[in-house]
Protein backbone atom coordinates (compact mmCIF):
# COMPACT_ATOMS: atom_id res chain seq x y z
CA MET A 1 -14.36 -13.31 -1.81
CA THR A 2 -12.22 -10.45 -0.49
CA LYS A 3 -10.90 -11.05 3.02
CA ILE A 4 -10.24 -7.93 5.13
CA LEU A 5 -8.83 -7.48 8.63
CA ILE A 6 -9.87 -4.42 10.67
CA VAL A 7 -7.45 -3.56 13.48
CA ASP A 8 -8.77 -1.01 16.01
CA ASP A 9 -9.17 -1.13 19.77
CA HIS A 10 -12.55 0.64 19.81
CA PRO A 11 -15.43 -1.85 19.22
CA MET A 12 -17.82 0.91 18.13
CA PHE A 13 -15.44 2.15 15.46
CA ARG A 14 -14.75 -1.40 14.27
CA GLU A 15 -18.51 -1.83 13.88
CA ALA A 16 -18.82 1.43 11.96
CA LEU A 17 -15.88 0.56 9.70
CA ARG A 18 -17.26 -2.92 9.15
CA GLY A 19 -20.52 -1.36 7.93
CA ALA A 20 -18.65 1.00 5.59
CA VAL A 21 -16.58 -1.86 4.17
CA LYS A 22 -19.69 -4.01 3.69
CA SER A 23 -21.30 -1.12 1.84
CA ALA A 24 -18.33 -1.01 -0.55
CA LEU A 25 -17.73 -4.77 -0.75
CA PRO A 26 -20.95 -6.61 0.17
CA ASN A 27 -19.40 -10.07 -0.23
CA ALA A 28 -16.24 -9.34 1.76
CA LYS A 29 -15.31 -11.53 4.70
CA ILE A 30 -14.29 -9.23 7.55
CA LEU A 31 -12.08 -10.19 10.48
CA GLU A 32 -11.47 -7.94 13.50
CA ALA A 33 -8.65 -7.45 15.99
CA GLY A 34 -8.30 -5.04 18.90
CA SER A 35 -4.50 -5.07 19.14
CA ILE A 36 -1.38 -5.72 17.09
CA GLU A 37 -0.85 -9.09 18.74
CA ALA A 38 -4.44 -10.09 17.98
CA ALA A 39 -3.92 -8.91 14.40
CA ARG A 40 -0.77 -11.02 14.02
CA GLU A 41 -2.60 -14.05 15.37
CA ALA A 42 -5.51 -13.46 12.99
CA LEU A 43 -3.14 -13.20 10.02
CA ARG A 44 -1.21 -16.31 11.06
CA SER A 45 -4.28 -18.43 11.72
CA GLY A 46 -6.43 -17.15 8.86
CA PRO A 47 -4.40 -16.96 5.65
CA GLY A 48 -5.81 -15.18 2.62
CA VAL A 49 -6.32 -11.70 4.07
CA GLU A 50 -5.95 -9.29 1.15
CA ILE A 51 -5.85 -5.98 3.02
CA VAL A 52 -5.47 -4.74 6.60
CA LEU A 53 -7.22 -1.58 7.80
CA LEU A 54 -5.05 -0.37 10.67
CA ASP A 55 -5.47 2.31 13.33
CA LEU A 56 -2.17 3.85 14.42
CA SER A 57 -3.27 4.45 18.03
CA LEU A 58 -3.40 1.02 19.63
CA PRO A 59 -2.66 -0.18 23.15
CA GLY A 60 0.87 -1.47 23.56
CA THR A 61 2.23 0.38 20.53
CA ALA A 62 3.72 3.81 20.00
CA GLY A 63 3.97 5.85 16.82
CA PHE A 64 4.39 3.61 13.80
CA ASP A 65 5.40 0.51 15.76
CA GLY A 66 2.25 -1.41 14.86
CA LEU A 67 2.58 -0.65 11.15
CA MET A 68 6.25 -1.64 11.09
CA LEU A 69 5.61 -4.85 13.01
CA LEU A 70 2.85 -5.99 10.66
CA ARG A 71 4.87 -4.94 7.61
CA SER A 72 7.88 -6.94 8.74
CA SER A 73 5.81 -9.99 9.68
CA PHE A 74 3.49 -9.98 6.65
CA PRO A 75 5.26 -7.93 3.93
CA ARG A 76 2.98 -9.00 1.08
CA ILE A 77 -0.28 -7.89 2.69
CA PRO A 78 -1.14 -4.23 1.94
CA ILE A 79 -1.98 -2.08 4.95
CA MET A 80 -4.24 0.96 4.71
CA ILE A 81 -4.10 3.28 7.71
CA VAL A 82 -7.48 4.44 9.00
CA SER A 83 -6.64 7.03 11.62
CA GLY A 84 -7.89 10.06 13.47
CA LEU A 85 -4.37 11.46 13.07
CA ASP A 86 -4.19 13.12 9.67
CA ASP A 87 -1.25 15.50 10.03
CA PRO A 88 0.60 15.60 6.64
CA ARG A 89 3.86 14.61 8.35
CA ILE A 90 2.20 11.50 9.77
CA VAL A 91 0.70 10.61 6.39
CA LYS A 92 4.04 10.97 4.59
CA GLU A 93 5.90 8.91 7.17
CA ALA A 94 3.26 6.15 7.10
CA ILE A 95 3.60 5.84 3.33
CA ARG A 96 7.40 5.97 3.57
CA LEU A 97 7.27 3.07 6.03
CA GLY A 98 5.22 0.99 3.61
CA ALA A 99 1.54 1.74 4.20
CA ALA A 100 -0.44 1.22 1.01
CA GLY A 101 -2.91 3.98 1.84
CA PHE A 102 -4.04 6.48 4.43
CA VAL A 103 -7.58 7.71 5.12
CA PRO A 104 -8.93 9.72 8.06
CA LYS A 105 -11.52 8.09 10.31
CA SER A 106 -13.95 10.77 9.17
CA VAL A 107 -13.73 9.60 5.54
CA ASP A 108 -17.05 9.09 3.73
CA LYS A 109 -18.12 5.68 2.46
CA ALA A 110 -17.60 6.58 -1.20
CA THR A 111 -13.99 7.62 -0.63
CA LEU A 112 -13.30 4.52 1.46
CA ALA A 113 -14.70 2.38 -1.36
CA ILE A 114 -12.34 4.04 -3.84
CA GLY A 115 -9.45 3.55 -1.43
CA LEU A 116 -10.18 -0.14 -0.98
CA SER A 117 -10.37 -0.64 -4.74
CA GLU A 118 -7.11 1.24 -5.36
CA VAL A 119 -5.15 -0.57 -2.67
CA LEU A 120 -6.52 -3.99 -3.66
CA SER A 121 -5.35 -3.29 -7.23
CA GLY A 122 -1.83 -2.57 -6.00
CA SER A 123 -1.93 1.23 -5.90
CA VAL A 124 -1.25 3.61 -3.03
CA PHE A 125 -4.28 5.68 -1.99
CA ILE A 126 -4.73 8.99 -0.20
CA PRO A 127 -7.94 11.07 -0.53
CA ASP A 128 -7.49 14.10 -2.80
CA ASP A 129 -8.19 16.66 -0.09
CA LEU A 130 -5.59 15.09 2.20
CA ALA A 131 -3.03 14.68 -0.58
CA GLN A 132 -3.32 18.40 -1.37
CA THR A 133 -2.11 19.27 2.11
CA LEU A 134 1.21 17.55 1.47
CA THR A 135 3.77 20.15 0.56
CA THR A 136 6.14 18.25 -1.70
CA PRO A 137 5.54 17.64 -5.44
CA CYS A 138 3.21 14.74 -6.23
CA GLY A 139 2.58 14.51 -2.50
CA PHE A 140 5.74 12.56 -1.74
CA ALA A 141 8.50 13.36 -4.22
CA GLU A 142 11.73 14.18 -2.44
CA THR A 143 14.87 15.93 -3.60
CA ASN A 144 16.61 12.77 -4.83
CA SER A 145 16.38 12.14 -8.56
CA VAL A 146 14.12 9.64 -10.29
CA ALA A 147 17.18 7.61 -11.22
CA ASP A 148 18.23 7.43 -7.56
CA ARG A 149 14.78 6.26 -6.55
CA VAL A 150 14.66 3.67 -9.33
CA ALA A 151 18.05 2.41 -8.14
CA GLU A 152 16.31 1.31 -4.93
CA LEU A 153 14.12 -1.17 -6.84
CA THR A 154 14.95 -4.86 -6.85
CA PRO A 155 15.37 -6.63 -10.22
CA ALA A 156 11.89 -8.17 -9.85
CA GLN A 157 10.37 -4.73 -9.19
CA MET A 158 12.25 -3.34 -12.21
CA ARG A 159 10.72 -6.00 -14.44
CA VAL A 160 7.24 -5.18 -13.13
CA LEU A 161 7.80 -1.44 -13.59
CA GLN A 162 8.96 -1.98 -17.16
CA ARG A 163 5.67 -3.71 -17.92
CA LEU A 164 3.65 -1.03 -16.16
CA ARG A 165 5.27 1.44 -18.55
CA HIS A 166 3.91 -0.67 -21.39
CA GLY A 167 0.40 -0.38 -20.00
CA GLN A 168 0.05 -3.99 -18.92
CA LEU A 169 -2.43 -5.06 -16.23
CA ASN A 170 -1.48 -7.08 -13.17
CA LYS A 171 -2.91 -10.26 -14.71
CA GLN A 172 -0.81 -9.82 -17.87
CA ILE A 173 2.33 -9.07 -15.87
CA ALA A 174 1.77 -12.13 -13.68
CA HIS A 175 1.38 -14.34 -16.76
CA GLU A 176 4.52 -12.98 -18.44
CA LEU A 177 6.68 -13.26 -15.34
CA GLY A 178 5.27 -16.59 -14.19
CA VAL A 179 4.20 -15.32 -10.76
CA SER A 180 0.88 -14.83 -8.97
CA GLU A 181 -1.21 -11.66 -9.20
CA THR A 182 -0.74 -11.27 -5.43
CA THR A 183 3.01 -11.12 -5.97
CA VAL A 184 2.59 -8.53 -8.72
CA LYS A 185 0.35 -6.40 -6.47
CA ALA A 186 2.98 -6.52 -3.72
CA HIS A 187 5.67 -5.44 -6.19
CA VAL A 188 3.51 -2.57 -7.49
CA SER A 189 2.91 -1.29 -3.96
CA GLU A 190 6.64 -1.35 -3.24
CA ILE A 191 7.42 0.37 -6.56
CA LEU A 192 5.02 3.22 -5.76
CA ARG A 193 6.43 3.55 -2.25
CA LYS A 194 10.05 3.62 -3.39
CA LEU A 195 9.36 6.07 -6.23
CA ASN A 196 7.37 8.29 -3.83
CA VAL A 197 4.30 8.42 -6.06
CA VAL A 198 0.69 7.54 -5.38
CA SER A 199 -0.47 5.90 -8.61
CA ARG A 200 0.69 3.70 -11.48
CA THR A 201 0.19 6.61 -13.85
CA GLN A 202 2.50 8.83 -11.82
CA ALA A 203 5.10 6.06 -11.76
CA VAL A 204 5.01 5.88 -15.56
CA ILE A 205 5.25 9.67 -15.91
CA GLU A 206 8.11 9.93 -13.40
CA THR A 207 10.17 7.27 -15.19
CA ALA A 208 9.23 8.21 -18.77
CA GLN A 209 12.72 9.47 -19.65
CA LEU A 210 14.64 6.49 -18.26
CA ASP A 211 16.35 3.98 -20.54
CA PHE A 212 15.04 0.76 -19.02
CA GLU A 213 16.93 -1.57 -21.33
CA THR A 214 20.23 -0.10 -20.16
CA ILE A 215 19.15 -0.17 -16.51
CA ILE A 216 17.97 -3.77 -16.65
CA ASP A 217 21.07 -4.95 -18.56
CA GLY A 218 23.15 -3.47 -15.77
CA GLU A 219 21.04 -4.58 -12.81
CA PRO A 220 22.94 -4.22 -9.53
CA THR A 221 23.96 -7.59 -8.17
CA HIS A 222 23.38 -6.70 -4.51
CA HIS A 223 19.61 -6.58 -4.90
CA ARG A 224 17.52 -9.72 -4.58
CA ASP A 225 13.99 -10.53 -5.77
């Protein structure tokens, strides 16, 4: 059973989002919180939450404070922003800071369902129409080279990326590396964020020309799993 936490200070919107989530995932268990502190308490007292749906505009927080606080406190739980603020600059910064997805509050149920599925599988999700408003290539690619971005990966993330390039699924990667699927999902989300791409396929395409054997043989010692 998928466990989801909705974080929004407006009860009516929480109710509407709960209905949309139930439509996409009928068997999901849904928790609610009206503030970041309530969200932290819910995550501490109710382990097993697989995704957080977070509004950026919450009482007691400013800008991306809520996202950064939850990310630092619960780094393995993916957070999808559900916000009325859909300026491309806000979207890009949210993803840069570790959000696993971004959808406007006006999103339709079908798109939300796709987003939930993508994020739960370890991908980063942005609706196509919103992604097209982002001005940089692939939505998030910056001027630094692919090699520079790959250099930001930890050894564990490198091993996961190598297996993504071989077309392996999360379950297969988890078995080979001797870790849980949840850990693999967390690594995939971080890989996509650090490479500035929005899908596993884009990650494979972006890194297609890299010599992974050489990179892995010479893994930097300052990174940790």
